[in-house]
Amino acid sequence: MNKAKSIYWADITALVFFTILTCVAIATKQITIFYVIYVFWWDEIIKTLSDLFRYVFRKKEIKDRLTYKEKIRMRFFMLSLYVVFIVVCFGFVIEWGNTDAIAKNAQVLLFRNIYFNISLLSFIGREMYVYSYRGIQENELVRTMMSNGIITLHVSIILGILLWAVATRRLGSLPVSLEAYSTMLAIVPFLIIKFLFDWSAIRSRSKASSARNSIDKQFQ
C-alpha cells in the first residue's frame, strides 16, 4: 500500500472510530453539548500542534517558512479564544442549575471521562501516523484558518446555542416540550456535520496526494 493510501485509511479509521465512540457515549448518557464541542476543539489543537512539529523538526521541507509559521500562529490564537468561550459558555453557563451536566463537564475538563480520553488518544495516534508518512510539498499547510475542522467548530458553536435555546424554550414555546431531548438534539447534528466535513477533507487530501504521486512518477 502506498503512502497516500496508508494516510487515507488512517484518517478514515480515526473518523469512524471517533463517530462510533461518540455514539456509545450518547447511548450511555456520558456526553453533553460541552463534551462534543470541546472534543472538536481538542481535535483542532492536536492538528495544529502536529503542523508545529513539522515546522520545528522538518523545516527543510517548507518553502515559505514565514507564511507557514504565521498560519500556525493565527490558528493557535483563534483556538485560544475559542476555548475560553467554549468552557465558560457551554461548560457552565448554559448548564447552570443542572448539577448533573456540570459534574459531567467537570469530569471532561479534568480528563476523567473515559470516552473523551480515548477520543483524544485516537486523535494523537492519527496525527503521529500521518506525521510519520507525510512530507510537506513546498508550502502546503494541511490545516489553514478556514480548514474544514475550524469551520466545523464555528458551525458547532452557533448551532449548539441555537438548538439548546430552541429545545429549552428560550426562544418561545413549542407545541411539544423538547427540553428532555435538548442534549441529543444538539449533539447529533454536530456529529453529522463533523463526519461530513472530515470525510470531505480526507477525500480532498487523498485526491491531491494521488495527483502529486502521478506527476512525480511521470518525471522519474
C-alpha atoms as a PDB file:
ATOM      1  CA  MET A   1       0.000   0.000   0.000  1.00  0.00           C
ATOM      2  CA  ASN A   2       1.465   3.406  -0.990  1.00  0.00           C
ATOM      3  CA  LYS A   3       1.795   6.366   1.361  1.00  0.00           C
ATOM      4  CA  ALA A   4      -1.291   8.180   0.064  1.00  0.00           C
ATOM      5  CA  LYS A   5      -3.496   5.118   0.633  1.00  0.00           C
ATOM      6  CA  SER A   6      -1.991   4.495   4.077  1.00  0.00           C
ATOM      7  CA  ILE A   7      -2.744   8.049   5.191  1.00  0.00           C
ATOM      8  CA  TYR A   8      -6.237   7.886   3.662  1.00  0.00           C
ATOM      9  CA  TRP A   9      -7.145   4.736   5.579  1.00  0.00           C
ATOM     10  CA  ALA A  10      -5.590   6.062   8.791  1.00  0.00           C
ATOM     11  CA  ASP A  11      -7.792   9.174   8.537  1.00  0.00           C
ATOM     12  CA  ILE A  12     -10.899   7.128   7.714  1.00  0.00           C
ATOM     13  CA  THR A  13     -10.269   4.681  10.572  1.00  0.00           C
ATOM     14  CA  ALA A  14      -9.825   7.528  13.067  1.00  0.00           C
ATOM     15  CA  LEU A  15     -13.032   9.243  11.872  1.00  0.00           C
ATOM     16  CA  VAL A  16     -15.149   6.079  12.022  1.00  0.00           C
ATOM     17  CA  PHE A  17     -13.722   5.152  15.425  1.00  0.00           C
ATOM     18  CA  PHE A  18     -14.495   8.610  16.818  1.00  0.00           C
ATOM     19  CA  THR A  19     -18.052   8.509  15.425  1.00  0.00           C
ATOM     20  CA  ILE A  20     -18.766   5.077  16.927  1.00  0.00           C
ATOM     21  CA  LEU A  21     -17.208   6.037  20.263  1.00  0.00           C
ATOM     22  CA  THR A  22     -19.313   9.200  20.440  1.00  0.00           C
ATOM     23  CA  CYS A  23     -22.470   7.216  19.652  1.00  0.00           C
ATOM     24  CA  VAL A  24     -21.618   4.855  22.524  1.00  0.00           C
ATOM     25  CA  ALA A  25     -21.119   7.844  24.824  1.00  0.00           C
ATOM     26  CA  ILE A  26     -24.545   9.163  23.774  1.00  0.00           C
ATOM     27  CA  ALA A  27     -26.158   5.777  24.424  1.00  0.00           C
ATOM     28  CA  THR A  28     -24.605   5.573  27.902  1.00  0.00           C
ATOM     29  CA  LYS A  29     -25.517   9.221  28.645  1.00  0.00           C
ATOM     30  CA  GLN A  30     -21.895  10.158  29.324  1.00  0.00           C
ATOM     31  CA  ILE A  31     -21.939  13.106  26.969  1.00  0.00           C
ATOM     32  CA  THR A  32     -23.020  16.746  26.981  1.00  0.00           C
ATOM     33  CA  ILE A  33     -23.053  19.598  24.481  1.00  0.00           C
ATOM     34  CA  PHE A  34     -19.820  20.845  26.053  1.00  0.00           C
ATOM     35  CA  TYR A  35     -18.207  17.417  25.606  1.00  0.00           C
ATOM     36  CA  VAL A  36     -18.813  17.434  21.853  1.00  0.00           C
ATOM     37  CA  ILE A  37     -17.658  20.987  21.143  1.00  0.00           C
ATOM     38  CA  TYR A  38     -14.667  20.648  23.474  1.00  0.00           C
ATOM     39  CA  VAL A  39     -13.527  17.417  21.808  1.00  0.00           C
ATOM     40  CA  PHE A  40     -13.818  19.187  18.429  1.00  0.00           C
ATOM     41  CA  TRP A  41     -11.567  21.931  19.828  1.00  0.00           C
ATOM     42  CA  TRP A  42      -9.028  19.376  21.017  1.00  0.00           C
ATOM     43  CA  ASP A  43      -9.026  17.753  17.580  1.00  0.00           C
ATOM     44  CA  GLU A  44      -8.065  21.088  16.028  1.00  0.00           C
ATOM     45  CA  ILE A  45      -5.411  21.913  18.638  1.00  0.00           C
ATOM     46  CA  ILE A  46      -3.799  18.495  18.146  1.00  0.00           C
ATOM     47  CA  LYS A  47      -3.769  19.022  14.376  1.00  0.00           C
ATOM     48  CA  THR A  48      -2.170  22.441  14.866  1.00  0.00           C
ATOM     49  CA  LEU A  49       0.463  21.000  17.191  1.00  0.00           C
ATOM     50  CA  SER A  50       1.226  18.419  14.517  1.00  0.00           C
ATOM     51  CA  ASP A  51       1.813  21.219  11.996  1.00  0.00           C
ATOM     52  CA  LEU A  52       4.018  22.977  14.561  1.00  0.00           C
ATOM     53  CA  PHE A  53       6.140  19.849  14.964  1.00  0.00           C
ATOM     54  CA  ARG A  54       6.583  19.766  11.193  1.00  0.00           C
ATOM     55  CA  TYR A  55       7.794  23.356  11.308  1.00  0.00           C
ATOM     56  CA  VAL A  56      10.232  22.656  14.156  1.00  0.00           C
ATOM     57  CA  PHE A  57      11.647  19.317  13.023  1.00  0.00           C
ATOM     58  CA  ARG A  58      11.177  19.336   9.232  1.00  0.00           C
ATOM     59  CA  LYS A  59      11.918  22.914   8.207  1.00  0.00           C
ATOM     60  CA  LYS A  60      13.844  21.843   5.137  1.00  0.00           C
ATOM     61  CA  GLU A  61      10.617  20.604   3.556  1.00  0.00           C
ATOM     62  CA  ILE A  62       8.956  24.033   3.852  1.00  0.00           C
ATOM     63  CA  LYS A  63       9.499  26.522   1.045  1.00  0.00           C
ATOM     64  CA  ASP A  64       7.960  29.617   2.679  1.00  0.00           C
ATOM     65  CA  ARG A  65       8.659  29.152   6.401  1.00  0.00           C
ATOM     66  CA  LEU A  66       7.462  32.619   7.381  1.00  0.00           C
ATOM     67  CA  THR A  67       3.991  32.095   5.888  1.00  0.00           C
ATOM     68  CA  TYR A  68       3.802  28.595   7.345  1.00  0.00           C
ATOM     69  CA  LYS A  69       4.718  29.873  10.822  1.00  0.00           C
ATOM     70  CA  GLU A  70       2.248  32.778  10.617  1.00  0.00           C
ATOM     71  CA  LYS A  71      -0.648  30.476   9.728  1.00  0.00           C
ATOM     72  CA  ILE A  72       0.156  28.233  12.688  1.00  0.00           C
ATOM     73  CA  ARG A  73       0.352  31.258  14.997  1.00  0.00           C
ATOM     74  CA  MET A  74      -3.039  32.530  13.818  1.00  0.00           C
ATOM     75  CA  ARG A  75      -4.631  29.124  14.374  1.00  0.00           C
ATOM     76  CA  PHE A  76      -3.276  28.968  17.911  1.00  0.00           C
ATOM     77  CA  PHE A  77      -4.583  32.487  18.576  1.00  0.00           C
ATOM     78  CA  MET A  78      -8.063  31.684  17.274  1.00  0.00           C
ATOM     79  CA  LEU A  79      -8.259  28.382  19.159  1.00  0.00           C
ATOM     80  CA  SER A  80      -7.104  30.040  22.400  1.00  0.00           C
ATOM     81  CA  LEU A  81     -10.010  32.492  22.120  1.00  0.00           C
ATOM     82  CA  TYR A  82     -12.454  29.702  21.346  1.00  0.00           C
ATOM     83  CA  VAL A  83     -11.506  27.578  24.340  1.00  0.00           C
ATOM     84  CA  VAL A  84     -12.362  30.345  26.821  1.00  0.00           C
ATOM     85  CA  PHE A  85     -15.795  30.819  25.256  1.00  0.00           C
ATOM     86  CA  ILE A  86     -16.417  27.066  24.983  1.00  0.00           C
ATOM     87  CA  VAL A  87     -15.508  26.328  28.610  1.00  0.00           C
ATOM     88  CA  VAL A  88     -17.390  29.296  30.095  1.00  0.00           C
ATOM     89  CA  CYS A  89     -20.497  29.235  27.887  1.00  0.00           C
ATOM     90  CA  PHE A  90     -21.010  25.548  27.118  1.00  0.00           C
ATOM     91  CA  GLY A  91     -19.267  24.162  30.193  1.00  0.00           C
ATOM     92  CA  PHE A  92     -21.150  26.157  32.791  1.00  0.00           C
ATOM     93  CA  VAL A  93     -23.467  28.988  31.660  1.00  0.00           C
ATOM     94  CA  ILE A  94     -25.982  27.042  29.552  1.00  0.00           C
ATOM     95  CA  GLU A  95     -25.999  24.189  32.088  1.00  0.00           C
ATOM     96  CA  TRP A  96     -26.434  26.453  35.100  1.00  0.00           C
ATOM     97  CA  GLY A  97     -28.730  24.751  37.580  1.00  0.00           C
ATOM     98  CA  ASN A  98     -28.173  21.325  36.039  1.00  0.00           C
ATOM     99  CA  THR A  99     -25.767  19.825  38.561  1.00  0.00           C
ATOM    100  CA  ASP A 100     -25.531  16.509  36.708  1.00  0.00           C
ATOM    101  CA  ALA A 101     -24.434  18.146  33.446  1.00  0.00           C
ATOM    102  CA  ILE A 102     -21.966  20.454  35.213  1.00  0.00           C
ATOM    103  CA  ALA A 103     -20.466  17.450  37.027  1.00  0.00           C
ATOM    104  CA  LYS A 104     -20.029  15.638  33.676  1.00  0.00           C
ATOM    105  CA  ASN A 105     -18.430  18.739  32.166  1.00  0.00           C
ATOM    106  CA  ALA A 106     -16.030  18.970  35.104  1.00  0.00           C
ATOM    107  CA  GLN A 107     -15.041  15.340  34.542  1.00  0.00           C
ATOM    108  CA  VAL A 108     -14.255  16.155  30.917  1.00  0.00           C
ATOM    109  CA  LEU A 109     -12.150  19.170  31.924  1.00  0.00           C
ATOM    110  CA  LEU A 110     -10.216  17.045  34.434  1.00  0.00           C
ATOM    111  CA  PHE A 111      -9.751  14.231  31.874  1.00  0.00           C
ATOM    112  CA  ARG A 112     -11.841  11.799  33.909  1.00  0.00           C
ATOM    113  CA  ASN A 113     -14.260  10.858  31.135  1.00  0.00           C
ATOM    114  CA  ILE A 114     -13.082   7.626  29.532  1.00  0.00           C
ATOM    115  CA  TYR A 115     -14.788   8.283  26.185  1.00  0.00           C
ATOM    116  CA  PHE A 116     -13.287  11.752  25.946  1.00  0.00           C
ATOM    117  CA  ASN A 117      -9.813  10.492  26.839  1.00  0.00           C
ATOM    118  CA  ILE A 118      -9.947   7.676  24.290  1.00  0.00           C
ATOM    119  CA  SER A 119     -11.055  10.187  21.631  1.00  0.00           C
ATOM    120  CA  LEU A 120      -8.018  12.362  22.378  1.00  0.00           C
ATOM    121  CA  LEU A 121      -5.692   9.358  22.209  1.00  0.00           C
ATOM    122  CA  SER A 122      -7.172   8.408  18.820  1.00  0.00           C
ATOM    123  CA  PHE A 123      -6.558  11.962  17.536  1.00  0.00           C
ATOM    124  CA  ILE A 124      -2.947  11.846  18.752  1.00  0.00           C
ATOM    125  CA  GLY A 125      -2.411   8.405  17.227  1.00  0.00           C
ATOM    126  CA  ARG A 126      -3.811   9.586  13.887  1.00  0.00           C
ATOM    127  CA  GLU A 127      -1.520  12.618  13.763  1.00  0.00           C
ATOM    128  CA  MET A 128       1.542  10.576  14.768  1.00  0.00           C
ATOM    129  CA  TYR A 129       0.843   8.092  11.992  1.00  0.00           C
ATOM    130  CA  VAL A 130       0.188  10.761   9.365  1.00  0.00           C
ATOM    131  CA  TYR A 131       3.229  12.766  10.510  1.00  0.00           C
ATOM    132  CA  SER A 132       5.485   9.746  10.058  1.00  0.00           C
ATOM    133  CA  TYR A 133       4.343   9.344   6.444  1.00  0.00           C
ATOM    134  CA  ARG A 134       3.520  12.751   5.081  1.00  0.00           C
ATOM    135  CA  GLY A 135       6.130  15.116   3.727  1.00  0.00           C
ATOM    136  CA  ILE A 136       5.334  18.755   3.068  1.00  0.00           C
ATOM    137  CA  GLN A 137       5.099  19.744  -0.587  1.00  0.00           C
ATOM    138  CA  GLU A 138       6.662  23.190  -0.876  1.00  0.00           C
ATOM    139  CA  ASN A 139       4.499  25.449   1.307  1.00  0.00           C
ATOM    140  CA  GLU A 140       1.484  23.181   1.735  1.00  0.00           C
ATOM    141  CA  LEU A 141      -0.166  23.597   5.148  1.00  0.00           C
ATOM    142  CA  VAL A 142      -2.768  20.910   5.730  1.00  0.00           C
ATOM    143  CA  ARG A 143      -4.781  22.986   8.202  1.00  0.00           C
ATOM    144  CA  THR A 144      -5.423  26.660   7.499  1.00  0.00           C
ATOM    145  CA  MET A 145      -7.512  29.338   9.213  1.00  0.00           C
ATOM    146  CA  MET A 146     -10.569  28.198   7.272  1.00  0.00           C
ATOM    147  CA  SER A 147      -9.961  24.453   7.260  1.00  0.00           C
ATOM    148  CA  ASN A 148     -12.916  22.092   7.469  1.00  0.00           C
ATOM    149  CA  GLY A 149     -12.143  21.491  11.146  1.00  0.00           C
ATOM    150  CA  ILE A 150     -12.273  25.200  12.018  1.00  0.00           C
ATOM    151  CA  ILE A 151     -15.476  25.635  10.011  1.00  0.00           C
ATOM    152  CA  THR A 152     -16.965  22.674  11.893  1.00  0.00           C
ATOM    153  CA  LEU A 153     -16.052  24.375  15.165  1.00  0.00           C
ATOM    154  CA  HIS A 154     -17.668  27.645  14.007  1.00  0.00           C
ATOM    155  CA  VAL A 155     -20.879  25.897  12.995  1.00  0.00           C
ATOM    156  CA  SER A 156     -20.948  23.782  16.160  1.00  0.00           C
ATOM    157  CA  ILE A 157     -20.772  26.800  18.455  1.00  0.00           C
ATOM    158  CA  ILE A 158     -23.535  28.679  16.639  1.00  0.00           C
ATOM    159  CA  LEU A 159     -25.745  25.641  16.106  1.00  0.00           C
ATOM    160  CA  GLY A 160     -25.211  24.442  19.669  1.00  0.00           C
ATOM    161  CA  ILE A 161     -26.526  27.659  21.178  1.00  0.00           C
ATOM    162  CA  LEU A 162     -29.441  27.790  18.720  1.00  0.00           C
ATOM    163  CA  LEU A 163     -30.578  24.190  19.253  1.00  0.00           C
ATOM    164  CA  TRP A 164     -30.186  24.458  23.008  1.00  0.00           C
ATOM    165  CA  ALA A 165     -32.251  27.685  23.013  1.00  0.00           C
ATOM    166  CA  VAL A 166     -34.998  26.059  20.914  1.00  0.00           C
ATOM    167  CA  ALA A 167     -35.109  22.836  22.931  1.00  0.00           C
ATOM    168  CA  THR A 168     -35.219  24.631  26.279  1.00  0.00           C
ATOM    169  CA  ARG A 169     -37.841  27.140  25.045  1.00  0.00           C
ATOM    170  CA  ARG A 170     -35.533  30.147  25.390  1.00  0.00           C
ATOM    171  CA  LEU A 171     -36.859  31.333  22.010  1.00  0.00           C
ATOM    172  CA  GLY A 172     -40.504  30.815  22.908  1.00  0.00           C
ATOM    173  CA  SER A 173     -42.926  27.985  23.477  1.00  0.00           C
ATOM    174  CA  LEU A 174     -43.149  24.984  21.194  1.00  0.00           C
ATOM    175  CA  PRO A 175     -46.133  22.653  20.719  1.00  0.00           C
ATOM    176  CA  VAL A 176     -44.077  19.831  22.237  1.00  0.00           C
ATOM    177  CA  SER A 177     -41.549  20.157  25.046  1.00  0.00           C
ATOM    178  CA  LEU A 178     -38.109  19.141  23.806  1.00  0.00           C
ATOM    179  CA  GLU A 179     -36.185  20.013  26.952  1.00  0.00           C
ATOM    180  CA  ALA A 180     -35.658  16.358  27.844  1.00  0.00           C
ATOM    181  CA  TYR A 181     -34.037  15.841  24.451  1.00  0.00           C
ATOM    182  CA  SER A 182     -32.049  19.103  24.318  1.00  0.00           C
ATOM    183  CA  THR A 183     -28.654  17.403  24.584  1.00  0.00           C
ATOM    184  CA  MET A 184     -29.499  14.825  21.936  1.00  0.00           C
ATOM    185  CA  LEU A 185     -30.854  17.463  19.546  1.00  0.00           C
ATOM    186  CA  ALA A 186     -27.620  19.421  19.828  1.00  0.00           C
ATOM    187  CA  ILE A 187     -25.178  16.512  19.673  1.00  0.00           C
ATOM    188  CA  VAL A 188     -26.486  14.538  16.690  1.00  0.00           C
ATOM    189  CA  PRO A 189     -26.269  17.450  14.194  1.00  0.00           C
ATOM    190  CA  PHE A 190     -22.701  18.137  15.397  1.00  0.00           C
ATOM    191  CA  LEU A 191     -21.730  14.549  14.798  1.00  0.00           C
ATOM    192  CA  ILE A 192     -23.237  14.537  11.306  1.00  0.00           C
ATOM    193  CA  ILE A 193     -21.584  17.851  10.397  1.00  0.00           C
ATOM    194  CA  LYS A 194     -18.161  16.751  11.624  1.00  0.00           C
ATOM    195  CA  PHE A 195     -18.403  13.415   9.828  1.00  0.00           C
ATOM    196  CA  LEU A 196     -19.346  15.049   6.515  1.00  0.00           C
ATOM    197  CA  PHE A 197     -16.751  17.834   6.747  1.00  0.00           C
ATOM    198  CA  ASP A 198     -13.955  15.468   7.799  1.00  0.00           C
ATOM    199  CA  TRP A 199     -14.918  12.951   5.121  1.00  0.00           C
ATOM    200  CA  SER A 200     -14.792  15.718   2.504  1.00  0.00           C
ATOM    201  CA  ALA A 201     -11.365  16.900   3.756  1.00  0.00           C
ATOM    202  CA  ILE A 202      -9.958  13.360   3.764  1.00  0.00           C
ATOM    203  CA  ARG A 203     -11.117  12.724   0.194  1.00  0.00           C
ATOM    204  CA  SER A 204      -9.695  16.061  -0.988  1.00  0.00           C
ATOM    205  CA  ARG A 205      -6.304  15.366   0.595  1.00  0.00           C
ATOM    206  CA  SER A 206      -6.271  11.859  -0.839  1.00  0.00           C
ATOM    207  CA  LYS A 207      -7.017  13.095  -4.380  1.00  0.00           C
ATOM    208  CA  ALA A 208      -4.372  15.830  -4.117  1.00  0.00           C
ATOM    209  CA  SER A 209      -1.788  13.363  -2.832  1.00  0.00           C
ATOM    210  CA  SER A 210      -2.601  10.848  -5.583  1.00  0.00           C
ATOM    211  CA  ALA A 211      -2.291  13.586  -8.211  1.00  0.00           C
ATOM    212  CA  ARG A 212       1.126  14.605  -6.876  1.00  0.00           C
ATOM    213  CA  ASN A 213       2.300  10.997  -6.875  1.00  0.00           C
ATOM    214  CA  SER A 214       1.191  10.579 -10.502  1.00  0.00           C
ATOM    215  CA  ILE A 215       3.098  13.710 -11.525  1.00  0.00           C
ATOM    216  CA  ASP A 216       6.201  12.565  -9.645  1.00  0.00           C
ATOM    217  CA  LYS A 217       6.108   9.179 -11.423  1.00  0.00           C
ATOM    218  CA  GLN A 218       5.889  10.877 -14.812  1.00  0.00           C
ATOM    219  CA  PHE A 219       9.120  12.756 -14.179  1.00  0.00           C
ATOM    220  CA  GLN A 220      11.018   9.787 -12.786  1.00  0.00           C
END
